[in-house]
Amino acid sequence: MRFPIHVLGEYSNDSGLDHCEVTIDEELARRIKLLATTVKKVKATHIEEFMGVDEYYTCDDEVWDGQTDCEVLRVGAEDFYWTGYFNNTGIEWETEMIPMKVVDEILMVADTPREKLPLLLRDSLSEDAKRVLEKKLKG
């Protein structure tokens, strides 16, 4: 999935960085769900885990050649997002917040018995959920 990136604070986005790409597979979806459950259980606002993104892109959809530091997955009870810093600066960036619905959809596909998967094809699924579905159908 592609997620827009926002530069925080009073800085302008002179870096050319526009969005990032993260593949949310079944393993990552289960990890995010576990972290969200833990957030609820301990009544925290969020849990952070060092985890980078797959790739960064410019607004022209070209691979961004800059560097980032301290990439973190930040998981709350109802949503999650990635955040980090531009290399050697104090300028922070973050993705848009992603609703837990995305993870729930991926796990619904992953947990559906194979013989019932064709019924899911009628629903509109996210790209990551479709990837999990295709992988499961191939067996």
C-alpha atoms as a PDB file:
ATOM      1  CA  MET A   1       0.000   0.000   0.000  1.00  0.00           C
ATOM      2  CA  ARG A   2       1.136   3.536  -0.611  1.00  0.00           C
ATOM      3  CA  PHE A   3       0.828   6.103   2.136  1.00  0.00           C
ATOM      4  CA  PRO A   4       1.261   9.878   1.814  1.00  0.00           C
ATOM      5  CA  ILE A   5       4.081  11.369   3.878  1.00  0.00           C
ATOM      6  CA  HIS A   6       3.702  14.612   5.809  1.00  0.00           C
ATOM      7  CA  VAL A   7       6.566  16.738   7.121  1.00  0.00           C
ATOM      8  CA  LEU A   8       5.899  17.858  10.692  1.00  0.00           C
ATOM      9  CA  GLY A   9       6.522  21.209  12.274  1.00  0.00           C
ATOM     10  CA  GLU A  10       7.234  24.468  10.513  1.00  0.00           C
ATOM     11  CA  TYR A  11       9.459  22.909   7.863  1.00  0.00           C
ATOM     12  CA  SER A  12       8.580  22.750   4.209  1.00  0.00           C
ATOM     13  CA  ASN A  13       8.995  19.510   2.342  1.00  0.00           C
ATOM     14  CA  ASP A  14      12.025  20.507   0.265  1.00  0.00           C
ATOM     15  CA  SER A  15      13.188  16.893   0.253  1.00  0.00           C
ATOM     16  CA  GLY A  16      10.961  15.862  -2.637  1.00  0.00           C
ATOM     17  CA  LEU A  17       9.641  12.963  -0.546  1.00  0.00           C
ATOM     18  CA  ASP A  18       5.950  12.433  -1.261  1.00  0.00           C
ATOM     19  CA  HIS A  19       4.863   8.935  -0.243  1.00  0.00           C
ATOM     20  CA  CYS A  20       6.150   5.555   0.848  1.00  0.00           C
ATOM     21  CA  GLU A  21       5.210   1.998   0.120  1.00  0.00           C
ATOM     22  CA  VAL A  22       4.729  -0.724   2.713  1.00  0.00           C
ATOM     23  CA  THR A  23       3.613  -4.276   2.032  1.00  0.00           C
ATOM     24  CA  ILE A  24       1.296  -5.376   4.795  1.00  0.00           C
ATOM     25  CA  ASP A  25       1.368  -9.156   4.586  1.00  0.00           C
ATOM     26  CA  GLU A  26      -0.319 -11.604   6.940  1.00  0.00           C
ATOM     27  CA  GLU A  27       2.655 -11.669   9.337  1.00  0.00           C
ATOM     28  CA  LEU A  28       2.813  -7.873   9.656  1.00  0.00           C
ATOM     29  CA  ALA A  29      -0.985  -7.657   9.956  1.00  0.00           C
ATOM     30  CA  ARG A  30      -0.933 -10.119  12.870  1.00  0.00           C
ATOM     31  CA  ARG A  31       1.921  -8.174  14.514  1.00  0.00           C
ATOM     32  CA  ILE A  32       0.020  -4.875  14.208  1.00  0.00           C
ATOM     33  CA  LYS A  33      -3.147  -6.483  15.603  1.00  0.00           C
ATOM     34  CA  LEU A  34      -1.193  -7.920  18.562  1.00  0.00           C
ATOM     35  CA  LEU A  35       0.314  -4.504  19.309  1.00  0.00           C
ATOM     36  CA  ALA A  36      -3.132  -2.850  19.079  1.00  0.00           C
ATOM     37  CA  THR A  37      -4.566  -5.436  21.480  1.00  0.00           C
ATOM     38  CA  THR A  38      -1.691  -4.776  23.880  1.00  0.00           C
ATOM     39  CA  VAL A  39      -2.323  -1.013  23.679  1.00  0.00           C
ATOM     40  CA  LYS A  40      -5.923  -1.599  24.735  1.00  0.00           C
ATOM     41  CA  LYS A  41      -4.955  -4.050  27.475  1.00  0.00           C
ATOM     42  CA  VAL A  42      -2.396  -1.760  29.136  1.00  0.00           C
ATOM     43  CA  LYS A  43      -4.453   1.384  28.409  1.00  0.00           C
ATOM     44  CA  ALA A  44      -1.596   3.071  26.543  1.00  0.00           C
ATOM     45  CA  THR A  45      -1.940   5.604  23.740  1.00  0.00           C
ATOM     46  CA  HIS A  46       0.358   3.686  21.402  1.00  0.00           C
ATOM     47  CA  ILE A  47       3.269   1.272  21.125  1.00  0.00           C
ATOM     48  CA  GLU A  48       6.280   1.969  18.931  1.00  0.00           C
ATOM     49  CA  GLU A  49       8.484  -0.587  17.244  1.00  0.00           C
ATOM     50  CA  PHE A  50      11.492   0.114  15.034  1.00  0.00           C
ATOM     51  CA  MET A  51      10.380  -0.890  11.554  1.00  0.00           C
ATOM     52  CA  GLY A  52      11.192   0.738   8.254  1.00  0.00           C
ATOM     53  CA  VAL A  53       9.117   1.091   5.137  1.00  0.00           C
ATOM     54  CA  ASP A  54       9.784  -0.731   1.858  1.00  0.00           C
ATOM     55  CA  GLU A  55      10.413   2.219  -0.455  1.00  0.00           C
ATOM     56  CA  TYR A  56      10.055   6.011  -0.700  1.00  0.00           C
ATOM     57  CA  TYR A  57       8.813   7.939  -3.740  1.00  0.00           C
ATOM     58  CA  THR A  58       8.718  11.491  -5.074  1.00  0.00           C
ATOM     59  CA  CYS A  59       5.530  13.153  -6.298  1.00  0.00           C
ATOM     60  CA  ASP A  60       6.571  12.030  -9.818  1.00  0.00           C
ATOM     61  CA  ASP A  61       6.446   8.387  -8.633  1.00  0.00           C
ATOM     62  CA  GLU A  62      10.206   8.029  -8.914  1.00  0.00           C
ATOM     63  CA  VAL A  63      12.174   6.265  -6.197  1.00  0.00           C
ATOM     64  CA  TRP A  64      13.359   8.880  -3.680  1.00  0.00           C
ATOM     65  CA  ASP A  65      17.141   8.862  -3.187  1.00  0.00           C
ATOM     66  CA  GLY A  66      17.295  10.534   0.228  1.00  0.00           C
ATOM     67  CA  GLN A  67      17.867   8.844   3.559  1.00  0.00           C
ATOM     68  CA  THR A  68      15.833   8.600   6.739  1.00  0.00           C
ATOM     69  CA  ASP A  69      16.624   7.623  10.331  1.00  0.00           C
ATOM     70  CA  CYS A  70      14.708   6.158  13.249  1.00  0.00           C
ATOM     71  CA  GLU A  71      11.853   4.690  11.230  1.00  0.00           C
ATOM     72  CA  VAL A  72       9.158   3.553  13.650  1.00  0.00           C
ATOM     73  CA  LEU A  73       5.818   1.805  13.320  1.00  0.00           C
ATOM     74  CA  ARG A  74       3.466   3.485  15.809  1.00  0.00           C
ATOM     75  CA  VAL A  75       0.383   1.418  16.692  1.00  0.00           C
ATOM     76  CA  GLY A  76      -2.633   2.701  18.595  1.00  0.00           C
ATOM     77  CA  ALA A  77      -5.846   0.907  19.488  1.00  0.00           C
ATOM     78  CA  GLU A  78      -7.701   1.977  16.325  1.00  0.00           C
ATOM     79  CA  ASP A  79      -4.990   2.954  13.823  1.00  0.00           C
ATOM     80  CA  PHE A  80      -1.285   2.862  13.016  1.00  0.00           C
ATOM     81  CA  TYR A  81       1.312   4.768  11.004  1.00  0.00           C
ATOM     82  CA  TRP A  82       5.031   5.107  10.334  1.00  0.00           C
ATOM     83  CA  THR A  83       7.228   7.992  11.408  1.00  0.00           C
ATOM     84  CA  GLY A  84      10.906   8.900  11.173  1.00  0.00           C
ATOM     85  CA  TYR A  85      13.429  11.677  10.570  1.00  0.00           C
ATOM     86  CA  PHE A  86      15.251  12.918   7.524  1.00  0.00           C
ATOM     87  CA  ASN A  87      18.865  11.785   7.867  1.00  0.00           C
ATOM     88  CA  ASN A  88      21.099  14.134   9.924  1.00  0.00           C
ATOM     89  CA  THR A  89      18.270  16.596  10.670  1.00  0.00           C
ATOM     90  CA  GLY A  90      15.701  17.115  13.376  1.00  0.00           C
ATOM     91  CA  ILE A  91      12.938  17.199  10.769  1.00  0.00           C
ATOM     92  CA  GLU A  92      10.309  14.544  11.398  1.00  0.00           C
ATOM     93  CA  TRP A  93       7.975  12.956   8.839  1.00  0.00           C
ATOM     94  CA  GLU A  94       5.016  10.632   9.242  1.00  0.00           C
ATOM     95  CA  THR A  95       2.558   8.758   7.062  1.00  0.00           C
ATOM     96  CA  GLU A  96      -1.150   9.294   7.260  1.00  0.00           C
ATOM     97  CA  MET A  97      -2.914   7.269   9.941  1.00  0.00           C
ATOM     98  CA  ILE A  98      -4.091   3.916   8.651  1.00  0.00           C
ATOM     99  CA  PRO A  99      -7.303   2.528  10.151  1.00  0.00           C
ATOM    100  CA  MET A 100      -7.178  -0.897  11.803  1.00  0.00           C
ATOM    101  CA  LYS A 101      -9.838  -1.889   9.263  1.00  0.00           C
ATOM    102  CA  VAL A 102      -6.997  -2.484   6.766  1.00  0.00           C
ATOM    103  CA  VAL A 103      -5.428  -5.084   9.082  1.00  0.00           C
ATOM    104  CA  ASP A 104      -8.807  -6.644   9.888  1.00  0.00           C
ATOM    105  CA  GLU A 105      -9.511  -7.125   6.180  1.00  0.00           C
ATOM    106  CA  ILE A 106      -6.151  -8.824   5.570  1.00  0.00           C
ATOM    107  CA  LEU A 107      -6.691 -11.139   8.540  1.00  0.00           C
ATOM    108  CA  MET A 108     -10.253 -11.911   7.398  1.00  0.00           C
ATOM    109  CA  VAL A 109      -8.834 -13.162   4.083  1.00  0.00           C
ATOM    110  CA  ALA A 110      -6.012 -15.051   5.807  1.00  0.00           C
ATOM    111  CA  ASP A 111      -8.394 -16.753   8.248  1.00  0.00           C
ATOM    112  CA  THR A 112     -11.115 -17.693   5.734  1.00  0.00           C
ATOM    113  CA  PRO A 113     -11.132 -21.396   4.785  1.00  0.00           C
ATOM    114  CA  ARG A 114      -9.870 -21.892   1.244  1.00  0.00           C
ATOM    115  CA  GLU A 115     -13.205 -23.254  -0.058  1.00  0.00           C
ATOM    116  CA  LYS A 116     -14.961 -20.033   1.002  1.00  0.00           C
ATOM    117  CA  LEU A 117     -12.425 -17.664  -0.562  1.00  0.00           C
ATOM    118  CA  PRO A 118     -14.349 -17.196  -3.858  1.00  0.00           C
ATOM    119  CA  LEU A 119     -17.113 -15.517  -1.834  1.00  0.00           C
ATOM    120  CA  LEU A 120     -14.604 -12.829  -0.823  1.00  0.00           C
ATOM    121  CA  LEU A 121     -13.861 -12.028  -4.461  1.00  0.00           C
ATOM    122  CA  ARG A 122     -17.216 -10.269  -4.696  1.00  0.00           C
ATOM    123  CA  ASP A 123     -16.125  -7.769  -2.053  1.00  0.00           C
ATOM    124  CA  SER A 124     -13.873  -4.830  -2.800  1.00  0.00           C
ATOM    125  CA  LEU A 125     -10.591  -5.640  -1.069  1.00  0.00           C
ATOM    126  CA  SER A 126      -7.494  -3.531  -0.507  1.00  0.00           C
ATOM    127  CA  GLU A 127      -4.408  -4.326  -2.596  1.00  0.00           C
ATOM    128  CA  ASP A 128      -2.690  -5.968   0.381  1.00  0.00           C
ATOM    129  CA  ALA A 129      -5.756  -8.111   1.128  1.00  0.00           C
ATOM    130  CA  LYS A 130      -5.868  -9.144  -2.553  1.00  0.00           C
ATOM    131  CA  ARG A 131      -2.187 -10.171  -2.343  1.00  0.00           C
ATOM    132  CA  VAL A 132      -2.905 -12.358   0.694  1.00  0.00           C
ATOM    133  CA  LEU A 133      -5.947 -13.815  -1.118  1.00  0.00           C
ATOM    134  CA  GLU A 134      -3.937 -14.623  -4.266  1.00  0.00           C
ATOM    135  CA  LYS A 135      -1.188 -16.249  -2.226  1.00  0.00           C
ATOM    136  CA  LYS A 136      -3.731 -18.361  -0.367  1.00  0.00           C
ATOM    137  CA  LEU A 137      -5.541 -19.394  -3.569  1.00  0.00           C
ATOM    138  CA  LYS A 138      -2.251 -20.561  -5.100  1.00  0.00           C
ATOM    139  CA  GLY A 139      -1.846 -22.718  -2.002  1.00  0.00           C
END
